[in-house]
C-alpha atoms as a PDB file:
ATOM      1  CA  MET A   1     106.912  82.440  96.688  1.00  0.00           C
ATOM      2  CA  PRO A   2     106.362  86.130  98.563  1.00  0.00           C
ATOM      3  CA  ILE A   3     104.017  88.669  97.368  1.00  0.00           C
ATOM      4  CA  THR A   4     104.676  92.100  97.645  1.00  0.00           C
ATOM      5  CA  VAL A   5     101.029  93.975  97.669  1.00  0.00           C
ATOM      6  CA  VAL A   6     100.962  97.720  97.131  1.00  0.00           C
ATOM      7  CA  GLY A   7      98.034  99.801  97.733  1.00  0.00           C
ATOM      8  CA  SER A   8      95.737 101.314 100.220  1.00  0.00           C
ATOM      9  CA  ILE A   9      95.426 100.974 104.477  1.00  0.00           C
ATOM     10  CA  ALA A  10      92.080 102.516 105.419  1.00  0.00           C
ATOM     11  CA  TYR A  11      88.978 102.670 107.305  1.00  0.00           C
ATOM     12  CA  ASP A  12      85.634 102.062 105.821  1.00  0.00           C
ATOM     13  CA  THR A  13      82.232 102.988 107.643  1.00  0.00           C
ATOM     14  CA  VAL A  14      79.538 101.047 105.516  1.00  0.00           C
ATOM     15  CA  LYS A  15      75.500 100.580 105.608  1.00  0.00           C
ATOM     16  CA  THR A  16      73.953  97.834 103.753  1.00  0.00           C
ATOM     17  CA  PRO A  17      70.265  96.823 104.515  1.00  0.00           C
ATOM     18  CA  PHE A  18      71.606  94.110 106.719  1.00  0.00           C
ATOM     19  CA  GLY A  19      73.229  96.594 109.495  1.00  0.00           C
ATOM     20  CA  ALA A  20      76.451  99.171 109.799  1.00  0.00           C
ATOM     21  CA  ARG A  21      79.519  99.273 110.663  1.00  0.00           C
ATOM     22  CA  GLU A  22      82.446 102.431 111.782  1.00  0.00           C
ATOM     23  CA  ARG A  23      85.608 102.699 110.726  1.00  0.00           C
ATOM     24  CA  MET A  24      86.048  99.483 110.076  1.00  0.00           C
ATOM     25  CA  LEU A  25      89.663  97.749 108.589  1.00  0.00           C
ATOM     26  CA  GLY A  26      89.838  98.013 105.157  1.00  0.00           C
ATOM     27  CA  GLY A  27      91.841  99.257 101.788  1.00  0.00           C
ATOM     28  CA  ALA A  28      92.513  97.316  99.146  1.00  0.00           C
ATOM     29  CA  ALA A  29      95.979  95.844 100.600  1.00  0.00           C
ATOM     30  CA  VAL A  30      94.409  94.349 103.277  1.00  0.00           C
ATOM     31  CA  HIS A  31      91.722  92.850 101.488  1.00  0.00           C
ATOM     32  CA  PHE A  32      94.084  91.389  99.425  1.00  0.00           C
ATOM     33  CA  ALA A  33      96.710  90.172 101.996  1.00  0.00           C
ATOM     34  CA  LEU A  34      94.113  88.576 104.409  1.00  0.00           C
ATOM     35  CA  ALA A  35      93.077  86.247 101.292  1.00  0.00           C
ATOM     36  CA  ALA A  36      96.607  85.700  99.817  1.00  0.00           C
ATOM     37  CA  SER A  37      98.065  84.713 103.712  1.00  0.00           C
ATOM     38  CA  PHE A  38      95.760  81.638 103.024  1.00  0.00           C
ATOM     39  CA  PHE A  39      98.543  80.383 100.247  1.00  0.00           C
ATOM     40  CA  ASP A  40     101.525  81.968 101.130  1.00  0.00           C
ATOM     41  CA  GLU A  41     104.164  84.786 102.485  1.00  0.00           C
ATOM     42  CA  VAL A  42     102.682  88.403 102.242  1.00  0.00           C
ATOM     43  CA  ARG A  43     104.562  91.902 102.086  1.00  0.00           C
ATOM     44  CA  VAL A  44     102.201  94.873 102.762  1.00  0.00           C
ATOM     45  CA  VAL A  45     103.105  98.709 101.059  1.00  0.00           C
ATOM     46  CA  GLY A  46     100.752 101.380 102.326  1.00  0.00           C
ATOM     47  CA  PRO A  47     100.622 104.417 104.768  1.00  0.00           C
ATOM     48  CA  VAL A  48      98.766 105.169 107.549  1.00  0.00           C
ATOM     49  CA  GLY A  49      97.968 107.705 109.766  1.00  0.00           C
ATOM     50  CA  GLU A  50      98.584 108.100 113.403  1.00  0.00           C
ATOM     51  CA  ASP A  51      95.333 107.360 113.919  1.00  0.00           C
ATOM     52  CA  PHE A  52      95.641 103.649 112.940  1.00  0.00           C
ATOM     53  CA  GLY A  53      95.501 101.807 116.163  1.00  0.00           C
ATOM     54  CA  GLU A  54      97.907  98.594 116.762  1.00  0.00           C
ATOM     55  CA  GLU A  55      94.879  96.196 117.134  1.00  0.00           C
ATOM     56  CA  GLN A  56      94.122  96.512 113.091  1.00  0.00           C
ATOM     57  CA  LEU A  57      97.890  95.669 112.413  1.00  0.00           C
ATOM     58  CA  ALA A  58      97.385  92.754 114.956  1.00  0.00           C
ATOM     59  CA  VAL A  59      94.760  91.832 112.710  1.00  0.00           C
ATOM     60  CA  LEU A  60      97.541  91.179 109.507  1.00  0.00           C
ATOM     61  CA  ARG A  61      99.932  89.900 111.999  1.00  0.00           C
ATOM     62  CA  ALA A  62      97.547  86.986 112.974  1.00  0.00           C
ATOM     63  CA  ARG A  63      97.511  85.873 109.524  1.00  0.00           C
ATOM     64  CA  ASN A  64     101.364  85.954 109.723  1.00  0.00           C
ATOM     65  CA  ILE A  65     101.178  89.110 106.971  1.00  0.00           C
ATOM     66  CA  ASP A  66     104.611  91.134 107.076  1.00  0.00           C
ATOM     67  CA  VAL A  67     103.872  94.357 108.201  1.00  0.00           C
ATOM     68  CA  SER A  68     107.274  96.326 107.748  1.00  0.00           C
ATOM     69  CA  ASP A  69     106.550  98.450 105.097  1.00  0.00           C
ATOM     70  CA  VAL A  70     103.509  99.890 106.589  1.00  0.00           C
ATOM     71  CA  GLU A  71     104.355 103.591 106.744  1.00  0.00           C
ATOM     72  CA  ARG A  72     103.137 105.573 109.900  1.00  0.00           C
ATOM     73  CA  ILE A  73     102.620 109.265 108.925  1.00  0.00           C
ATOM     74  CA  GLU A  74     103.191 111.819 112.019  1.00  0.00           C
ATOM     75  CA  GLY A  75     100.561 114.126 111.976  1.00  0.00           C
ATOM     76  CA  GLY A  76      98.641 112.351 108.966  1.00  0.00           C
ATOM     77  CA  LYS A  77      95.318 110.792 108.969  1.00  0.00           C
ATOM     78  CA  THR A  78      94.054 107.217 107.613  1.00  0.00           C
ATOM     79  CA  PHE A  79      92.874 106.868 104.454  1.00  0.00           C
ATOM     80  CA  PHE A  80      89.041 107.077 104.998  1.00  0.00           C
ATOM     81  CA  TRP A  81      85.586 105.504 103.300  1.00  0.00           C
ATOM     82  CA  GLN A  82      82.098 105.875 104.148  1.00  0.00           C
ATOM     83  CA  GLY A  83      79.650 104.168 101.570  1.00  0.00           C
ATOM     84  CA  GLU A  84      75.791 102.981 101.725  1.00  0.00           C
ATOM     85  CA  TYR A  85      74.278  99.913  99.336  1.00  0.00           C
ATOM     86  CA  GLY A  86      70.594  99.375  98.817  1.00  0.00           C
ATOM     87  CA  TRP A  87      69.249  96.390  97.881  1.00  0.00           C
ATOM     88  CA  ASP A  88      71.053  96.288  95.028  1.00  0.00           C
ATOM     89  CA  LEU A  89      74.320  94.826  96.320  1.00  0.00           C
ATOM     90  CA  ASN A  90      76.258  95.363  92.867  1.00  0.00           C
ATOM     91  CA  SER A  91      76.097  99.142  93.362  1.00  0.00           C
ATOM     92  CA  ARG A  92      76.977 101.710  96.253  1.00  0.00           C
ATOM     93  CA  GLU A  93      76.647 105.337  96.727  1.00  0.00           C
ATOM     94  CA  THR A  94      80.019 106.870  98.055  1.00  0.00           C
ATOM     95  CA  LEU A  95      79.022 109.164 100.793  1.00  0.00           C
ATOM     96  CA  ASP A  96      82.858 110.332 101.696  1.00  0.00           C
ATOM     97  CA  THR A  97      86.114 110.120 100.864  1.00  0.00           C
ATOM     98  CA  GLN A  98      88.935 111.593 103.301  1.00  0.00           C
ATOM     99  CA  LEU A  99      92.252 110.447 101.201  1.00  0.00           C
ATOM    100  CA  GLY A 100      94.531 111.707 103.989  1.00  0.00           C
ATOM    101  CA  VAL A 101      97.899 110.110 104.122  1.00  0.00           C
ATOM    102  CA  PHE A 102      97.341 108.287 100.707  1.00  0.00           C
ATOM    103  CA  GLU A 103      97.067 111.305  99.189  1.00  0.00           C
ATOM    104  CA  GLY A 104     100.349 111.891  98.986  1.00  0.00           C
ATOM    105  CA  PHE A 105     101.590 108.230  98.998  1.00  0.00           C
ATOM    106  CA  ALA A 106     105.125 107.735  97.612  1.00  0.00           C
ATOM    107  CA  PRO A 107     105.534 103.654  98.147  1.00  0.00           C
ATOM    108  CA  LYS A 108     108.589 102.803 100.026  1.00  0.00           C
ATOM    109  CA  LEU A 109     109.908  99.872  99.560  1.00  0.00           C
ATOM    110  CA  SER A 110     112.531  97.386 101.623  1.00  0.00           C
ATOM    111  CA  GLU A 111     114.779  95.290 100.056  1.00  0.00           C
ATOM    112  CA  GLN A 112     112.739  92.500 101.215  1.00  0.00           C
ATOM    113  CA  SER A 113     109.759  93.681  99.315  1.00  0.00           C
ATOM    114  CA  ARG A 114     111.644  94.385  96.312  1.00  0.00           C
ATOM    115  CA  SER A 115     112.887  90.492  96.641  1.00  0.00           C
ATOM    116  CA  SER A 116     109.280  89.270  96.528  1.00  0.00           C
ATOM    117  CA  ASP A 117     108.842  86.979  93.482  1.00  0.00           C
ATOM    118  CA  VAL A 118     105.236  87.855  92.731  1.00  0.00           C
ATOM    119  CA  LEU A 119     103.589  91.396  93.070  1.00  0.00           C
ATOM    120  CA  PHE A 120      99.963  92.797  93.321  1.00  0.00           C
ATOM    121  CA  LEU A 121      99.539  96.856  92.247  1.00  0.00           C
ATOM    122  CA  ALA A 122      96.752  97.592  94.042  1.00  0.00           C
ATOM    123  CA  ASN A 123      94.261 100.383  92.614  1.00  0.00           C
ATOM    124  CA  ILE A 124      96.677 103.327  92.665  1.00  0.00           C
ATOM    125  CA  GLN A 125      97.593 106.354  90.321  1.00  0.00           C
ATOM    126  CA  PRO A 126      99.300 104.202  87.225  1.00  0.00           C
ATOM    127  CA  ASP A 127     102.547 106.220  87.309  1.00  0.00           C
ATOM    128  CA  LEU A 128     102.855 104.871  90.823  1.00  0.00           C
ATOM    129  CA  GLN A 129     102.394 101.654  89.666  1.00  0.00           C
ATOM    130  CA  ARG A 130     104.823 101.773  87.159  1.00  0.00           C
ATOM    131  CA  GLU A 131     107.563 103.207  89.905  1.00  0.00           C
ATOM    132  CA  VAL A 132     107.092  99.646  92.442  1.00  0.00           C
ATOM    133  CA  ARG A 133     106.625  97.593  89.062  1.00  0.00           C
ATOM    134  CA  SER A 134     110.349  99.215  88.022  1.00  0.00           C
ATOM    135  CA  GLN A 135     111.842  98.089  91.546  1.00  0.00           C
ATOM    136  CA  LEU A 136     110.861  94.726  91.106  1.00  0.00           C
ATOM    137  CA  PRO A 137     112.212  93.435  87.066  1.00  0.00           C
ATOM    138  CA  GLN A 138     113.058  90.079  88.188  1.00  0.00           C
ATOM    139  CA  ALA A 139     109.387  89.347  89.767  1.00  0.00           C
ATOM    140  CA  ARG A 140     108.058  86.250  87.701  1.00  0.00           C
ATOM    141  CA  PHE A 141     104.169  87.420  88.127  1.00  0.00           C
ATOM    142  CA  VAL A 142     103.001  90.911  88.238  1.00  0.00           C
ATOM    143  CA  ALA A 143      99.497  91.369  88.484  1.00  0.00           C
ATOM    144  CA  LEU A 144      97.393  95.098  88.168  1.00  0.00           C
ATOM    145  CA  ASP A 145      93.879  96.396  89.580  1.00  0.00           C
ATOM    146  CA  SER A 146      92.314  99.664  88.438  1.00  0.00           C
ATOM    147  CA  MET A 147      89.308 101.912  88.180  1.00  0.00           C
ATOM    148  CA  ASN A 148      87.343 104.122  85.978  1.00  0.00           C
ATOM    149  CA  LEU A 149      88.752 107.039  87.436  1.00  0.00           C
ATOM    150  CA  TRP A 150      92.516 106.476  85.943  1.00  0.00           C
ATOM    151  CA  ILE A 151      90.711 105.682  83.185  1.00  0.00           C
ATOM    152  CA  ASP A 152      88.803 109.085  82.989  1.00  0.00           C
ATOM    153  CA  ILE A 153      91.763 111.370  83.744  1.00  0.00           C
ATOM    154  CA  ALA A 154      95.267 109.184  83.365  1.00  0.00           C
ATOM    155  CA  ARG A 155      94.671 106.134  80.301  1.00  0.00           C
ATOM    156  CA  ASP A 156      97.885 106.895  78.611  1.00  0.00           C
ATOM    157  CA  SER A 157      99.892 106.142  81.992  1.00  0.00           C
ATOM    158  CA  LEU A 158      97.457 103.304  82.894  1.00  0.00           C
ATOM    159  CA  VAL A 159      98.053 101.827  79.582  1.00  0.00           C
ATOM    160  CA  ALA A 160     101.489 102.235  79.883  1.00  0.00           C
ATOM    161  CA  ALA A 161     101.261 100.441  83.237  1.00  0.00           C
ATOM    162  CA  ILE A 162      99.227  97.455  81.757  1.00  0.00           C
ATOM    163  CA  ALA A 163     101.774  96.892  79.160  1.00  0.00           C
ATOM    164  CA  ASP A 164     104.779  96.120  81.601  1.00  0.00           C
ATOM    165  CA  VAL A 165     102.833  93.510  84.049  1.00  0.00           C
ATOM    166  CA  ASP A 166     101.486  89.519  83.146  1.00  0.00           C
ATOM    167  CA  CYS A 167      97.784  89.923  84.655  1.00  0.00           C
ATOM    168  CA  VAL A 168      95.412  92.733  84.569  1.00  0.00           C
ATOM    169  CA  ILE A 169      91.868  92.599  86.814  1.00  0.00           C
ATOM    170  CA  LEU A 170      89.156  95.030  86.039  1.00  0.00           C
ATOM    171  CA  ASN A 171      85.659  94.827  86.310  1.00  0.00           C
ATOM    172  CA  ASP A 172      83.728  93.884  82.922  1.00  0.00           C
ATOM    173  CA  ALA A 173      82.712  97.594  82.366  1.00  0.00           C
ATOM    174  CA  GLU A 174      86.127  98.821  82.919  1.00  0.00           C
ATOM    175  CA  LEU A 175      87.675  96.788  80.532  1.00  0.00           C
ATOM    176  CA  ARG A 176      85.137  98.137  78.033  1.00  0.00           C
ATOM    177  CA  GLN A 177      85.453 102.148  79.030  1.00  0.00           C
ATOM    178  CA  LEU A 178      89.363 101.381  78.581  1.00  0.00           C
ATOM    179  CA  THR A 179      89.433  99.822  75.543  1.00  0.00           C
ATOM    180  CA  GLY A 180      86.224 101.177  73.616  1.00  0.00           C
ATOM    181  CA  LYS A 181      85.281  97.767  72.752  1.00  0.00           C
ATOM    182  CA  PRO A 182      81.915  96.740  72.554  1.00  0.00           C
ATOM    183  CA  ASN A 183      82.036  93.490  74.809  1.00  0.00           C
ATOM    184  CA  LEU A 184      83.671  91.588  77.355  1.00  0.00           C
ATOM    185  CA  VAL A 185      85.549  89.633  75.102  1.00  0.00           C
ATOM    186  CA  SER A 186      87.012  91.769  72.236  1.00  0.00           C
ATOM    187  CA  ALA A 187      87.789  94.402  75.085  1.00  0.00           C
ATOM    188  CA  ALA A 188      90.122  91.268  76.730  1.00  0.00           C
ATOM    189  CA  ARG A 189      91.712  90.663  73.270  1.00  0.00           C
ATOM    190  CA  GLU A 190      92.503  94.466  72.979  1.00  0.00           C
ATOM    191  CA  VAL A 191      94.445  94.556  76.422  1.00  0.00           C
ATOM    192  CA  LEU A 192      96.030  91.003  75.729  1.00  0.00           C
ATOM    193  CA  SER A 193      97.490  92.828  72.580  1.00  0.00           C
ATOM    194  CA  TRP A 194      99.699  95.582  74.472  1.00  0.00           C
ATOM    195  CA  SER A 195     102.983  95.481  75.325  1.00  0.00           C
ATOM    196  CA  SER A 196     105.829  97.510  77.061  1.00  0.00           C
ATOM    197  CA  ALA A 197     108.730  99.098  75.073  1.00  0.00           C
ATOM    198  CA  GLU A 198     111.035  97.009  76.882  1.00  0.00           C
ATOM    199  CA  SER A 199     109.329  93.687  75.345  1.00  0.00           C
ATOM    200  CA  ALA A 200     109.355  95.024  71.680  1.00  0.00           C
ATOM    201  CA  ALA A 201     112.910  95.764  72.599  1.00  0.00           C
ATOM    202  CA  GLY A 202     113.287  92.069  73.946  1.00  0.00           C
ATOM    203  CA  GLY A 203     113.464  93.370  77.149  1.00  0.00           C
ATOM    204  CA  ARG A 204     111.827  92.936  80.469  1.00  0.00           C
ATOM    205  CA  GLY A 205     108.600  93.716  79.776  1.00  0.00           C
ATOM    206  CA  ARG A 206     106.375  91.142  77.608  1.00  0.00           C
ATOM    207  CA  GLY A 207     102.666  92.346  78.074  1.00  0.00           C
ATOM    208  CA  PRO A 208     100.126  91.197  79.696  1.00  0.00           C
ATOM    209  CA  SER A 209      98.755  87.007  78.989  1.00  0.00           C
ATOM    210  CA  VAL A 210      95.801  86.929  81.739  1.00  0.00           C
ATOM    211  CA  ILE A 211      92.994  88.903  81.736  1.00  0.00           C
ATOM    212  CA  VAL A 212      90.086  88.794  84.872  1.00  0.00           C
ATOM    213  CA  ALA A 213      87.023  90.619  84.305  1.00  0.00           C
ATOM    214  CA  LYS A 214      85.075  90.280  87.860  1.00  0.00           C
ATOM    215  CA  GLN A 215      81.382  90.348  87.617  1.00  0.00           C
ATOM    216  CA  GLY A 216      79.924  91.061  90.970  1.00  0.00           C
ATOM    217  CA  GLU A 217      77.424  88.350  91.803  1.00  0.00           C
ATOM    218  CA  TYR A 218      77.629  86.983  88.453  1.00  0.00           C
ATOM    219  CA  GLY A 219      81.177  85.683  88.787  1.00  0.00           C
ATOM    220  CA  ALA A 220      84.138  86.029  87.066  1.00  0.00           C
ATOM    221  CA  ALA A 221      85.658  85.279  83.414  1.00  0.00           C
ATOM    222  CA  LEU A 222      89.053  84.444  82.643  1.00  0.00           C
ATOM    223  CA  ILE A 223      90.684  85.406  79.024  1.00  0.00           C
ATOM    224  CA  THR A 224      94.196  84.553  77.608  1.00  0.00           C
ATOM    225  CA  ARG A 225      95.559  83.901  74.358  1.00  0.00           C
ATOM    226  CA  GLU A 226      94.761  80.688  74.305  1.00  0.00           C
ATOM    227  CA  GLY A 227      91.036  80.597  75.529  1.00  0.00           C
ATOM    228  CA  PHE A 228      87.860  81.606  77.743  1.00  0.00           C
ATOM    229  CA  PHE A 229      87.048  80.074  81.044  1.00  0.00           C
ATOM    230  CA  ALA A 230      83.925  81.941  83.206  1.00  0.00           C
ATOM    231  CA  LEU A 231      82.864  80.674  87.058  1.00  0.00           C
ATOM    232  CA  PRO A 232      79.428  82.172  88.601  1.00  0.00           C
ATOM    233  CA  ALA A 233      79.506  83.557  91.837  1.00  0.00           C
ATOM    234  CA  TYR A 234      79.250  81.117  94.422  1.00  0.00           C
ATOM    235  CA  PRO A 235      75.619  81.349  95.680  1.00  0.00           C
ATOM    236  CA  LEU A 236      74.566  82.302  98.723  1.00  0.00           C
ATOM    237  CA  GLU A 237      71.664  82.769 101.073  1.00  0.00           C
ATOM    238  CA  SER A 238      72.926  85.715 102.777  1.00  0.00           C
ATOM    239  CA  VAL A 239      75.336  88.587 101.713  1.00  0.00           C
ATOM    240  CA  ILE A 240      75.432  90.961 103.643  1.00  0.00           C
ATOM    241  CA  ASP A 241      78.671  93.575 102.822  1.00  0.00           C
ATOM    242  CA  PRO A 242      80.668  93.249  99.336  1.00  0.00           C
ATOM    243  CA  THR A 243      83.268  95.787 100.783  1.00  0.00           C
ATOM    244  CA  GLY A 244      86.528  94.242  99.483  1.00  0.00           C
ATOM    245  CA  ALA A 245      85.395  91.443  97.562  1.00  0.00           C
ATOM    246  CA  GLY A 246      87.284  92.463  94.362  1.00  0.00           C
ATOM    247  CA  ASP A 247      90.602  92.597  96.174  1.00  0.00           C
ATOM    248  CA  THR A 248      89.530  89.626  98.245  1.00  0.00           C
ATOM    249  CA  PHE A 249      88.887  87.788  95.075  1.00  0.00           C
ATOM    250  CA  ALA A 250      92.411  89.036  93.133  1.00  0.00           C
ATOM    251  CA  GLY A 251      93.981  87.827  96.901  1.00  0.00           C
ATOM    252  CA  GLY A 252      92.838  84.550  95.784  1.00  0.00           C
ATOM    253  CA  LEU A 253      93.908  84.444  92.537  1.00  0.00           C
ATOM    254  CA  VAL A 254      97.730  86.121  92.544  1.00  0.00           C
ATOM    255  CA  GLY A 255      98.177  84.229  96.011  1.00  0.00           C
ATOM    256  CA  TYR A 256      96.993  80.622  94.600  1.00  0.00           C
ATOM    257  CA  ILE A 257      99.435  81.395  91.845  1.00  0.00           C
ATOM    258  CA  ALA A 258     102.221  82.156  94.011  1.00  0.00           C
ATOM    259  CA  ALA A 259     101.783  79.128  95.820  1.00  0.00           C
ATOM    260  CA  HIS A 260     102.626  77.248  92.581  1.00  0.00           C
ATOM    261  CA  PRO A 261     106.244  78.127  91.484  1.00  0.00           C
ATOM    262  CA  GLY A 262     106.866  74.986  89.639  1.00  0.00           C
ATOM    263  CA  GLU A 263     104.096  74.987  87.632  1.00  0.00           C
ATOM    264  CA  LYS A 264     103.506  76.647  84.288  1.00  0.00           C
ATOM    265  CA  LEU A 265     101.298  79.898  83.946  1.00  0.00           C
ATOM    266  CA  SER A 266      98.585  77.370  82.330  1.00  0.00           C
ATOM    267  CA  ASP A 267      94.895  77.905  81.602  1.00  0.00           C
ATOM    268  CA  GLU A 268      94.466  74.657  83.870  1.00  0.00           C
ATOM    269  CA  LEU A 269      96.678  76.583  86.699  1.00  0.00           C
ATOM    270  CA  LEU A 270      94.769  79.762  85.943  1.00  0.00           C
ATOM    271  CA  ARG A 271      91.379  77.897  86.293  1.00  0.00           C
ATOM    272  CA  ARG A 272      91.966  76.299  89.582  1.00  0.00           C
ATOM    273  CA  ALA A 273      93.204  80.058  90.600  1.00  0.00           C
ATOM    274  CA  MET A 274      89.779  81.358  89.699  1.00  0.00           C
ATOM    275  CA  ALA A 275      88.135  79.199  91.549  1.00  0.00           C
ATOM    276  CA  HIS A 276      89.666  79.698  94.447  1.00  0.00           C
ATOM    277  CA  ALA A 277      89.638  83.101  94.121  1.00  0.00           C
ATOM    278  CA  THR A 278      85.520  82.984  93.545  1.00  0.00           C
ATOM    279  CA  VAL A 279      85.505  81.259  96.950  1.00  0.00           C
ATOM    280  CA  LEU A 280      87.489  83.708  98.819  1.00  0.00           C
ATOM    281  CA  ALA A 281      85.559  86.230  97.630  1.00  0.00           C
ATOM    282  CA  SER A 282      82.204  84.400  98.705  1.00  0.00           C
ATOM    283  CA  PHE A 283      83.502  84.247 102.714  1.00  0.00           C
ATOM    284  CA  ASN A 284      84.200  87.925 102.010  1.00  0.00           C
ATOM    285  CA  VAL A 285      80.887  89.166 101.393  1.00  0.00           C
ATOM    286  CA  GLU A 286      78.671  86.826 104.363  1.00  0.00           C
ATOM    287  CA  GLU A 287      79.813  89.575 106.546  1.00  0.00           C
ATOM    288  CA  PHE A 288      81.151  93.073 107.046  1.00  0.00           C
ATOM    289  CA  GLY A 289      84.534  94.022 105.929  1.00  0.00           C
ATOM    290  CA  THR A 290      87.317  91.526 107.153  1.00  0.00           C
ATOM    291  CA  GLU A 291      85.001  90.070 109.666  1.00  0.00           C
ATOM    292  CA  ARG A 292      84.586  86.850 107.821  1.00  0.00           C
ATOM    293  CA  ILE A 293      88.473  86.233 106.552  1.00  0.00           C
ATOM    294  CA  THR A 294      89.361  86.970 109.672  1.00  0.00           C
ATOM    295  CA  ARG A 295      88.172  83.252 111.171  1.00  0.00           C
ATOM    296  CA  LEU A 296      88.767  81.379 108.067  1.00  0.00           C
ATOM    297  CA  THR A 297      89.777  78.294 108.414  1.00  0.00           C
ATOM    298  CA  GLY A 298      91.786  76.848 105.370  1.00  0.00           C
ATOM    299  CA  LYS A 299      89.375  73.679 105.626  1.00  0.00           C
ATOM    300  CA  GLU A 300      86.412  75.619 104.619  1.00  0.00           C
ATOM    301  CA  ILE A 301      88.273  77.235 101.705  1.00  0.00           C
ATOM    302  CA  VAL A 302      88.671  73.168 101.051  1.00  0.00           C
ATOM    303  CA  ALA A 303      85.402  72.302 101.382  1.00  0.00           C
ATOM    304  CA  ARG A 304      83.357  75.468  99.326  1.00  0.00           C
ATOM    305  CA  ILE A 305      85.875  74.849  96.465  1.00  0.00           C
ATOM    306  CA  GLY A 306      84.708  70.889  96.142  1.00  0.00           C
ATOM    307  CA  GLU A 307      81.303  72.280  96.313  1.00  0.00           C
ATOM    308  CA  LEU A 308      81.964  74.752  93.718  1.00  0.00           C
ATOM    309  CA  HIS A 309      83.319  72.016  91.267  1.00  0.00           C
ATOM    310  CA  ALA A 310      80.457  69.745  92.049  1.00  0.00           C
ATOM    311  CA  MET A 311      77.969  72.372  91.114  1.00  0.00           C
ATOM    312  CA  THR A 312      80.150  73.938  87.817  1.00  0.00           C
ATOM    313  CA  GLN A 313      81.044  70.459  85.917  1.00  0.00           C
ATOM    314  CA  PHE A 314      78.750  68.694  83.638  1.00  0.00           C
ATOM    315  CA  SER A 315      78.992  65.710  81.648  1.00  0.00           C
ATOM    316  CA  GLY A 316      80.550  66.012  78.054  1.00  0.00           C
ATOM    317  CA  ALA A 317      77.395  63.526  76.350  1.00  0.00           C
ATOM    318  CA  SER A 318      75.024  65.380  74.259  1.00  0.00           C
ATOM    319  CA  LEU A 319      71.624  63.977  72.540  1.00  0.00           C
ATOM    320  CA  GLU A 320      71.648  63.635  68.731  1.00  0.00           C
ATOM    321  CA  LEU A 321      70.008  66.452  67.879  1.00  0.00           C
ATOM    322  CA  ARG A 322      67.651  66.794  64.941  1.00  0.00           C
ATOM    323  CA  GLY A 323      68.479  69.040  61.951  1.00  0.00           C
END
């Protein structure tokens, strides 16, 4: 079912121990949309400046992504981020951030984007996430991402935004920071207890039922009211650039769920979605930015899903233990 994603469209300059790229296509909405487009129709909402070229939009159009709600701001500059990774690719140093047109971003959703059944609220100001959420009251599935900045400066707004979505996607450190809980499981259980005022009154909202904790090279964990599930990251001999991996993961997860509209949001469905998200993210990090994902094929995804399945299953039989 159609997916609307609201978030950043950017130029990224990145250096890793394995090379560098200048002003490559990036942004949360871009990485998400490219991954989700393997599963369903995607509509992107976000601002760009006059410096954003047709060549970059063509990358999205090549995946049949709807860019009608990409707003070009006359006289403005596209959001720009520059960062450098050391040998530990789990951490990075931000060298420059220029918000450009993203600083005054006021999402403008067309009627078509508002009619989507699935919504992904990428990492933007929590009040904007809430405003966008209110424009899609009938959305079947809504997921949200955020970051430590908003936990620091806009926690109350973020908690309110979380209380009105179905799925929260954060890294494990952000979950602990958000809740003040000492470990991942207790933090996730805390977030699962939140619900909106509308939910309490029997209205639109119902509170989150799915928590996904991104754990970088260690994989990701899924926590619901019914249980816990974890997958390791797909093992790669060569990791070039992790930029956008988290948003690519989210695109795989949400895209897979969107592609199964008649199926109940069960742990079984969510586990399959986690596997597809893990595989999409593994392709993303093999090259810089969007380079690998734009050349990726469905056949490659299916093959790697099979490999991930083979390496993460084991027999249920156990030895009779002493003592």
